[in-house]
PDB file of N, CA and C in Angstrom:
ATOM      1  N   UNK A   1     174.599 138.135 129.947  1.00  0.00           N
ATOM      2  CA  UNK A   1     173.447 138.493 130.861  1.00  0.00           C
ATOM      3  C   UNK A   1     172.281 137.611 130.344  1.00  0.00           C
ATOM      4  N   UNK A   2     171.843 136.634 130.945  1.00  0.00           N
ATOM      5  CA  UNK A   2     170.941 136.094 130.121  1.00  0.00           C
ATOM      6  C   UNK A   2     169.462 136.848 130.087  1.00  0.00           C
ATOM      7  N   UNK A   3     168.808 136.566 129.158  1.00  0.00           N
ATOM      8  CA  UNK A   3     167.403 137.267 128.626  1.00  0.00           C
ATOM      9  C   UNK A   3     166.465 136.795 129.253  1.00  0.00           C
ATOM     10  N   UNK A   4     165.513 137.420 129.835  1.00  0.00           N
ATOM     11  CA  UNK A   4     164.345 136.762 130.131  1.00  0.00           C
ATOM     12  C   UNK A   4     162.952 136.955 129.658  1.00  0.00           C
ATOM     13  N   UNK A   5     162.261 136.258 129.267  1.00  0.00           N
ATOM     14  CA  UNK A   5     161.109 136.277 128.747  1.00  0.00           C
ATOM     15  C   UNK A   5     160.266 137.178 129.722  1.00  0.00           C
ATOM     16  N   UNK A   6     159.450 137.979 128.868  1.00  0.00           N
ATOM     17  CA  UNK A   6     158.288 138.959 129.719  1.00  0.00           C
ATOM     18  C   UNK A   6     157.100 138.009 130.079  1.00  0.00           C
ATOM     19  N   UNK A   7     157.273 136.763 129.722  1.00  0.00           N
ATOM     20  CA  UNK A   7     155.944 135.812 130.248  1.00  0.00           C
ATOM     21  C   UNK A   7     156.749 135.047 131.408  1.00  0.00           C
ATOM     22  N   UNK A   8     157.930 134.775 131.525  1.00  0.00           N
ATOM     23  CA  UNK A   8     158.176 134.088 132.836  1.00  0.00           C
ATOM     24  C   UNK A   8     158.092 134.817 134.165  1.00  0.00           C
ATOM     25  N   UNK A   9     157.224 133.983 134.799  1.00  0.00           N
ATOM     26  CA  UNK A   9     157.136 134.574 136.341  1.00  0.00           C
ATOM     27  C   UNK A   9     156.630 133.235 137.085  1.00  0.00           C
ATOM     28  N   UNK A  10     156.831 133.640 138.338  1.00  0.00           N
ATOM     29  CA  UNK A  10     156.332 132.650 139.508  1.00  0.00           C
ATOM     30  C   UNK A  10     154.618 132.269 139.604  1.00  0.00           C
ATOM     31  N   UNK A  11     154.114 133.208 138.766  1.00  0.00           N
ATOM     32  CA  UNK A  11     152.412 133.026 139.096  1.00  0.00           C
ATOM     33  C   UNK A  11     152.516 131.809 138.446  1.00  0.00           C
ATOM     34  N   UNK A  12     151.212 131.169 138.708  1.00  0.00           N
ATOM     35  CA  UNK A  12     151.088 129.734 137.968  1.00  0.00           C
ATOM     36  C   UNK A  12     150.130 129.947 136.992  1.00  0.00           C
ATOM     37  N   UNK A  13     149.357 131.083 137.165  1.00  0.00           N
ATOM     38  CA  UNK A  13     148.491 131.359 135.816  1.00  0.00           C
ATOM     39  C   UNK A  13     149.177 131.870 134.782  1.00  0.00           C
ATOM     40  N   UNK A  14     150.014 132.342 134.826  1.00  0.00           N
ATOM     41  CA  UNK A  14     150.922 133.024 134.191  1.00  0.00           C
ATOM     42  C   UNK A  14     151.727 132.184 133.235  1.00  0.00           C
ATOM     43  N   UNK A  15     152.126 131.405 134.339  1.00  0.00           N
ATOM     44  CA  UNK A  15     152.959 130.364 133.746  1.00  0.00           C
ATOM     45  C   UNK A  15     152.318 129.490 133.028  1.00  0.00           C
ATOM     46  N   UNK A  16     151.094 129.018 133.288  1.00  0.00           N
ATOM     47  CA  UNK A  16     150.282 127.991 132.428  1.00  0.00           C
ATOM     48  C   UNK A  16     149.994 128.764 131.132  1.00  0.00           C
ATOM     49  N   UNK A  17     149.758 129.788 131.294  1.00  0.00           N
ATOM     50  CA  UNK A  17     149.254 130.699 129.926  1.00  0.00           C
ATOM     51  C   UNK A  17     150.608 130.683 129.065  1.00  0.00           C
ATOM     52  N   UNK A  18     151.931 130.922 129.433  1.00  0.00           N
ATOM     53  CA  UNK A  18     152.982 130.864 128.718  1.00  0.00           C
ATOM     54  C   UNK A  18     153.147 129.579 127.726  1.00  0.00           C
ATOM     55  N   UNK A  19     152.873 128.403 128.717  1.00  0.00           N
ATOM     56  CA  UNK A  19     152.812 126.959 127.991  1.00  0.00           C
ATOM     57  C   UNK A  19     151.720 126.894 126.807  1.00  0.00           C
ATOM     58  N   UNK A  20     150.688 127.443 126.929  1.00  0.00           N
ATOM     59  CA  UNK A  20     149.922 127.271 125.814  1.00  0.00           C
ATOM     60  C   UNK A  20     150.052 128.503 124.992  1.00  0.00           C
ATOM     61  N   UNK A  21     149.394 128.150 123.853  1.00  0.00           N
ATOM     62  CA  UNK A  21     149.685 128.995 122.745  1.00  0.00           C
ATOM     63  C   UNK A  21     148.330 130.446 123.057  1.00  0.00           C
ATOM     64  N   UNK A  22     148.561 131.453 122.236  1.00  0.00           N
ATOM     65  CA  UNK A  22     147.892 132.747 122.605  1.00  0.00           C
ATOM     66  C   UNK A  22     146.120 132.262 121.870  1.00  0.00           C
ATOM     67  N   UNK A  23     146.143 131.591 121.129  1.00  0.00           N
ATOM     68  CA  UNK A  23     144.957 131.128 120.538  1.00  0.00           C
ATOM     69  C   UNK A  23     144.453 129.826 120.899  1.00  0.00           C
ATOM     70  N   UNK A  24     143.170 129.368 121.351  1.00  0.00           N
ATOM     71  CA  UNK A  24     142.715 128.271 121.735  1.00  0.00           C
ATOM     72  C   UNK A  24     141.367 127.869 120.673  1.00  0.00           C
ATOM     73  N   UNK A  25     141.342 126.612 120.826  1.00  0.00           N
ATOM     74  CA  UNK A  25     140.244 126.231 120.018  1.00  0.00           C
ATOM     75  C   UNK A  25     138.952 125.839 120.899  1.00  0.00           C
ATOM     76  N   UNK A  26     137.608 125.848 120.389  1.00  0.00           N
ATOM     77  CA  UNK A  26     136.658 125.872 121.249  1.00  0.00           C
ATOM     78  C   UNK A  26     136.764 124.148 122.326  1.00  0.00           C
ATOM     79  N   UNK A  27     137.499 123.179 121.493  1.00  0.00           N
ATOM     80  CA  UNK A  27     137.304 122.074 122.260  1.00  0.00           C
ATOM     81  C   UNK A  27     138.581 122.137 123.596  1.00  0.00           C
ATOM     82  N   UNK A  28     139.694 123.270 123.259  1.00  0.00           N
ATOM     83  CA  UNK A  28     140.181 123.533 124.253  1.00  0.00           C
ATOM     84  C   UNK A  28     139.734 124.218 125.618  1.00  0.00           C
ATOM     85  N   UNK A  29     138.766 125.072 124.929  1.00  0.00           N
ATOM     86  CA  UNK A  29     138.286 126.259 126.227  1.00  0.00           C
ATOM     87  C   UNK A  29     137.307 125.436 126.800  1.00  0.00           C
ATOM     88  N   UNK A  30     136.372 124.481 125.908  1.00  0.00           N
ATOM     89  CA  UNK A  30     135.517 123.547 126.657  1.00  0.00           C
ATOM     90  C   UNK A  30     136.057 122.864 127.867  1.00  0.00           C
ATOM     91  N   UNK A  31     137.332 121.792 127.338  1.00  0.00           N
ATOM     92  CA  UNK A  31     137.960 121.066 128.642  1.00  0.00           C
ATOM     93  C   UNK A  31     138.449 121.977 129.510  1.00  0.00           C
ATOM     94  N   UNK A  32     139.160 123.303 129.404  1.00  0.00           N
ATOM     95  CA  UNK A  32     139.473 124.108 130.633  1.00  0.00           C
ATOM     96  C   UNK A  32     138.585 124.546 131.285  1.00  0.00           C
ATOM     97  N   UNK A  33     137.301 125.064 130.746  1.00  0.00           N
ATOM     98  CA  UNK A  33     136.164 125.446 131.312  1.00  0.00           C
ATOM     99  C   UNK A  33     135.252 124.252 132.232  1.00  0.00           C
ATOM    100  N   UNK A  34     135.570 122.968 131.551  1.00  0.00           N
ATOM    101  CA  UNK A  34     134.545 121.720 131.908  1.00  0.00           C
ATOM    102  C   UNK A  34     133.188 121.856 131.764  1.00  0.00           C
ATOM    103  N   UNK A  35     133.098 122.624 130.395  1.00  0.00           N
ATOM    104  CA  UNK A  35     131.555 122.381 130.026  1.00  0.00           C
ATOM    105  C   UNK A  35     131.743 121.790 128.372  1.00  0.00           C
ATOM    106  N   UNK A  36     130.743 121.201 127.980  1.00  0.00           N
ATOM    107  CA  UNK A  36     130.689 120.649 126.586  1.00  0.00           C
ATOM    108  C   UNK A  36     130.852 121.767 125.546  1.00  0.00           C
ATOM    109  N   UNK A  37     131.348 121.386 124.176  1.00  0.00           N
ATOM    110  CA  UNK A  37     131.736 122.330 123.455  1.00  0.00           C
ATOM    111  C   UNK A  37     130.582 123.197 122.878  1.00  0.00           C
ATOM    112  N   UNK A  38     129.245 122.001 122.840  1.00  0.00           N
ATOM    113  CA  UNK A  38     128.060 122.558 122.409  1.00  0.00           C
ATOM    114  C   UNK A  38     127.590 123.917 123.725  1.00  0.00           C
ATOM    115  N   UNK A  39     128.017 123.959 124.911  1.00  0.00           N
ATOM    116  CA  UNK A  39     127.637 125.033 125.618  1.00  0.00           C
ATOM    117  C   UNK A  39     128.436 126.383 124.935  1.00  0.00           C
ATOM    118  N   UNK A  40     129.492 126.321 124.680  1.00  0.00           N
ATOM    119  CA  UNK A  40     130.485 127.350 124.007  1.00  0.00           C
ATOM    120  C   UNK A  40     129.590 128.175 122.937  1.00  0.00           C
ATOM    121  N   UNK A  41     128.993 126.981 122.100  1.00  0.00           N
ATOM    122  CA  UNK A  41     128.450 127.433 120.920  1.00  0.00           C
ATOM    123  C   UNK A  41     127.012 128.421 121.246  1.00  0.00           C
ATOM    124  N   UNK A  42     126.376 127.897 122.052  1.00  0.00           N
ATOM    125  CA  UNK A  42     125.497 128.544 122.896  1.00  0.00           C
ATOM    126  C   UNK A  42     125.611 130.088 123.499  1.00  0.00           C
ATOM    127  N   UNK A  43     126.699 129.825 124.314  1.00  0.00           N
ATOM    128  CA  UNK A  43     126.893 131.033 124.867  1.00  0.00           C
ATOM    129  C   UNK A  43     127.568 132.140 124.079  1.00  0.00           C
ATOM    130  N   UNK A  44     128.222 131.597 122.715  1.00  0.00           N
ATOM    131  CA  UNK A  44     128.629 132.476 121.599  1.00  0.00           C
ATOM    132  C   UNK A  44     127.149 133.138 120.923  1.00  0.00           C
ATOM    133  N   UNK A  45     126.294 132.211 120.800  1.00  0.00           N
ATOM    134  CA  UNK A  45     124.731 132.621 120.044  1.00  0.00           C
ATOM    135  C   UNK A  45     124.093 133.758 121.199  1.00  0.00           C
ATOM    136  N   UNK A  46     124.182 133.556 122.290  1.00  0.00           N
ATOM    137  CA  UNK A  46     123.446 134.298 123.244  1.00  0.00           C
ATOM    138  C   UNK A  46     124.090 135.817 123.452  1.00  0.00           C
ATOM    139  N   UNK A  47     125.694 135.610 123.449  1.00  0.00           N
ATOM    140  CA  UNK A  47     126.568 136.634 123.475  1.00  0.00           C
ATOM    141  C   UNK A  47     126.553 137.094 125.024  1.00  0.00           C
ATOM    142  N   UNK A  48     126.893 135.528 125.539  1.00  0.00           N
ATOM    143  CA  UNK A  48     127.047 135.620 127.106  1.00  0.00           C
ATOM    144  C   UNK A  48     128.201 134.985 127.493  1.00  0.00           C
ATOM    145  N   UNK A  49     129.273 134.477 126.731  1.00  0.00           N
ATOM    146  CA  UNK A  49     130.319 133.564 127.062  1.00  0.00           C
ATOM    147  C   UNK A  49     131.527 134.554 126.898  1.00  0.00           C
ATOM    148  N   UNK A  50     132.681 133.665 127.153  1.00  0.00           N
ATOM    149  CA  UNK A  50     133.926 134.709 126.493  1.00  0.00           C
ATOM    150  C   UNK A  50     133.888 134.791 125.381  1.00  0.00           C
ATOM    151  N   UNK A  51     134.624 136.279 124.991  1.00  0.00           N
ATOM    152  CA  UNK A  51     134.967 136.556 123.561  1.00  0.00           C
ATOM    153  C   UNK A  51     135.229 135.734 122.570  1.00  0.00           C
ATOM    154  N   UNK A  52     134.958 135.281 121.432  1.00  0.00           N
ATOM    155  CA  UNK A  52     135.192 134.619 120.298  1.00  0.00           C
ATOM    156  C   UNK A  52     135.562 135.331 119.120  1.00  0.00           C
ATOM    157  N   UNK A  53     136.570 134.806 118.280  1.00  0.00           N
ATOM    158  CA  UNK A  53     137.038 135.531 117.179  1.00  0.00           C
ATOM    159  C   UNK A  53     137.112 134.365 115.933  1.00  0.00           C
ATOM    160  N   UNK A  54     136.579 134.896 114.964  1.00  0.00           N
ATOM    161  CA  UNK A  54     136.632 133.955 113.663  1.00  0.00           C
ATOM    162  C   UNK A  54     138.181 134.160 113.003  1.00  0.00           C
ATOM    163  N   UNK A  55     138.878 132.934 112.817  1.00  0.00           N
ATOM    164  CA  UNK A  55     140.121 133.020 111.880  1.00  0.00           C
ATOM    165  C   UNK A  55     139.554 131.997 110.898  1.00  0.00           C
ATOM    166  N   UNK A  56     139.396 132.940 109.774  1.00  0.00           N
ATOM    167  CA  UNK A  56     138.797 132.292 108.304  1.00  0.00           C
ATOM    168  C   UNK A  56     137.938 131.736 108.503  1.00  0.00           C
ATOM    169  N   UNK A  57     137.451 130.260 108.530  1.00  0.00           N
ATOM    170  CA  UNK A  57     136.059 129.836 109.101  1.00  0.00           C
ATOM    171  C   UNK A  57     136.152 129.089 110.347  1.00  0.00           C
ATOM    172  N   UNK A  58     137.126 129.545 111.078  1.00  0.00           N
ATOM    173  CA  UNK A  58     137.266 128.745 112.426  1.00  0.00           C
ATOM    174  C   UNK A  58     137.243 129.808 113.729  1.00  0.00           C
ATOM    175  N   UNK A  59     136.614 129.057 114.841  1.00  0.00           N
ATOM    176  CA  UNK A  59     136.534 129.721 115.735  1.00  0.00           C
ATOM    177  C   UNK A  59     137.358 129.833 116.799  1.00  0.00           C
ATOM    178  N   UNK A  60     138.162 130.830 117.043  1.00  0.00           N
ATOM    179  CA  UNK A  60     139.288 130.920 118.487  1.00  0.00           C
ATOM    180  C   UNK A  60     139.035 131.718 119.364  1.00  0.00           C
ATOM    181  N   UNK A  61     139.550 131.523 120.365  1.00  0.00           N
ATOM    182  CA  UNK A  61     139.547 132.292 121.693  1.00  0.00           C
ATOM    183  C   UNK A  61     140.859 132.676 122.166  1.00  0.00           C
ATOM    184  N   UNK A  62     141.082 133.901 122.821  1.00  0.00           N
ATOM    185  CA  UNK A  62     142.394 134.062 123.083  1.00  0.00           C
ATOM    186  C   UNK A  62     142.381 134.067 124.686  1.00  0.00           C
ATOM    187  N   UNK A  63     143.287 133.514 125.122  1.00  0.00           N
ATOM    188  CA  UNK A  63     143.356 132.744 126.335  1.00  0.00           C
ATOM    189  C   UNK A  63     143.425 133.573 127.603  1.00  0.00           C
ATOM    190  N   UNK A  64     144.104 134.982 127.399  1.00  0.00           N
ATOM    191  CA  UNK A  64     143.796 135.849 128.270  1.00  0.00           C
ATOM    192  C   UNK A  64     142.456 136.558 128.602  1.00  0.00           C
ATOM    193  N   UNK A  65     141.468 136.583 127.375  1.00  0.00           N
ATOM    194  CA  UNK A  65     139.923 136.959 127.512  1.00  0.00           C
ATOM    195  C   UNK A  65     139.133 135.922 128.009  1.00  0.00           C
ATOM    196  N   UNK A  66     139.613 134.503 127.862  1.00  0.00           N
ATOM    197  CA  UNK A  66     139.041 133.748 128.509  1.00  0.00           C
ATOM    198  C   UNK A  66     138.996 133.744 130.118  1.00  0.00           C
ATOM    199  N   UNK A  67     140.577 133.842 130.583  1.00  0.00           N
ATOM    200  CA  UNK A  67     140.712 134.138 131.944  1.00  0.00           C
ATOM    201  C   UNK A  67     139.970 135.373 132.503  1.00  0.00           C
ATOM    202  N   UNK A  68     139.730 136.323 131.796  1.00  0.00           N
ATOM    203  CA  UNK A  68     139.294 137.550 132.485  1.00  0.00           C
ATOM    204  C   UNK A  68     137.736 137.471 132.430  1.00  0.00           C
ATOM    205  N   UNK A  69     136.986 136.609 131.412  1.00  0.00           N
ATOM    206  CA  UNK A  69     135.648 136.313 131.629  1.00  0.00           C
ATOM    207  C   UNK A  69     135.346 135.165 132.737  1.00  0.00           C
ATOM    208  N   UNK A  70     136.438 134.615 132.870  1.00  0.00           N
ATOM    209  CA  UNK A  70     136.056 133.534 133.993  1.00  0.00           C
ATOM    210  C   UNK A  70     136.358 134.121 135.509  1.00  0.00           C
ATOM    211  N   UNK A  71     137.169 134.761 135.518  1.00  0.00           N
ATOM    212  CA  UNK A  71     137.297 136.067 136.856  1.00  0.00           C
ATOM    213  C   UNK A  71     136.101 136.954 136.947  1.00  0.00           C
ATOM    214  N   UNK A  72     135.432 137.279 135.724  1.00  0.00           N
ATOM    215  CA  UNK A  72     134.352 138.270 135.955  1.00  0.00           C
ATOM    216  C   UNK A  72     133.041 137.227 136.285  1.00  0.00           C
ATOM    217  N   UNK A  73     132.997 136.216 136.211  1.00  0.00           N
ATOM    218  CA  UNK A  73     132.104 135.141 136.767  1.00  0.00           C
ATOM    219  C   UNK A  73     131.963 135.163 138.029  1.00  0.00           C
ATOM    220  N   UNK A  74     133.445 135.022 138.592  1.00  0.00           N
ATOM    221  CA  UNK A  74     133.412 134.596 140.025  1.00  0.00           C
ATOM    222  C   UNK A  74     132.767 135.697 140.891  1.00  0.00           C
ATOM    223  N   UNK A  75     132.919 137.100 140.294  1.00  0.00           N
ATOM    224  CA  UNK A  75     132.906 138.208 141.122  1.00  0.00           C
ATOM    225  C   UNK A  75     131.142 138.664 140.891  1.00  0.00           C
ATOM    226  N   UNK A  76     130.284 137.815 141.821  1.00  0.00           N
ATOM    227  CA  UNK A  76     128.915 138.813 142.095  1.00  0.00           C
ATOM    228  C   UNK A  76     128.772 138.477 143.151  1.00  0.00           C
ATOM    229  N   UNK A  77     127.468 139.374 143.724  1.00  0.00           N
ATOM    230  CA  UNK A  77     127.134 139.686 144.754  1.00  0.00           C
ATOM    231  C   UNK A  77     125.923 138.715 145.369  1.00  0.00           C
ATOM    232  N   UNK A  78     125.851 137.930 146.388  1.00  0.00           N
ATOM    233  CA  UNK A  78     124.833 137.052 146.474  1.00  0.00           C
ATOM    234  C   UNK A  78     123.791 137.591 147.512  1.00  0.00           C
ATOM    235  N   UNK A  79     124.373 138.601 147.920  1.00  0.00           N
ATOM    236  CA  UNK A  79     123.012 139.751 148.962  1.00  0.00           C
ATOM    237  C   UNK A  79     122.543 140.520 147.999  1.00  0.00           C
ATOM    238  N   UNK A  80     121.301 140.175 147.760  1.00  0.00           N
ATOM    239  CA  UNK A  80     120.243 140.972 147.042  1.00  0.00           C
ATOM    240  C   UNK A  80     119.571 141.619 147.855  1.00  0.00           C
TER     241      UNK A  80
END
């Protein structure tokens, strides 16, 4: 019986997440979001961007947290 990975799925978002590692550099996240790296640093300073972690002296992002943050940005009410 073949073993299946818990990450194997037909969902394209999950399939893409399985191909990339669990941690991302600011350069990778900036390219993914389509913003300059400097913007990520400003968001970190202001506390408004995706959650960031220090690994030694390096900044790293967890892909699932970036995706969750991105989804939360898309849900807002325009009717005020």
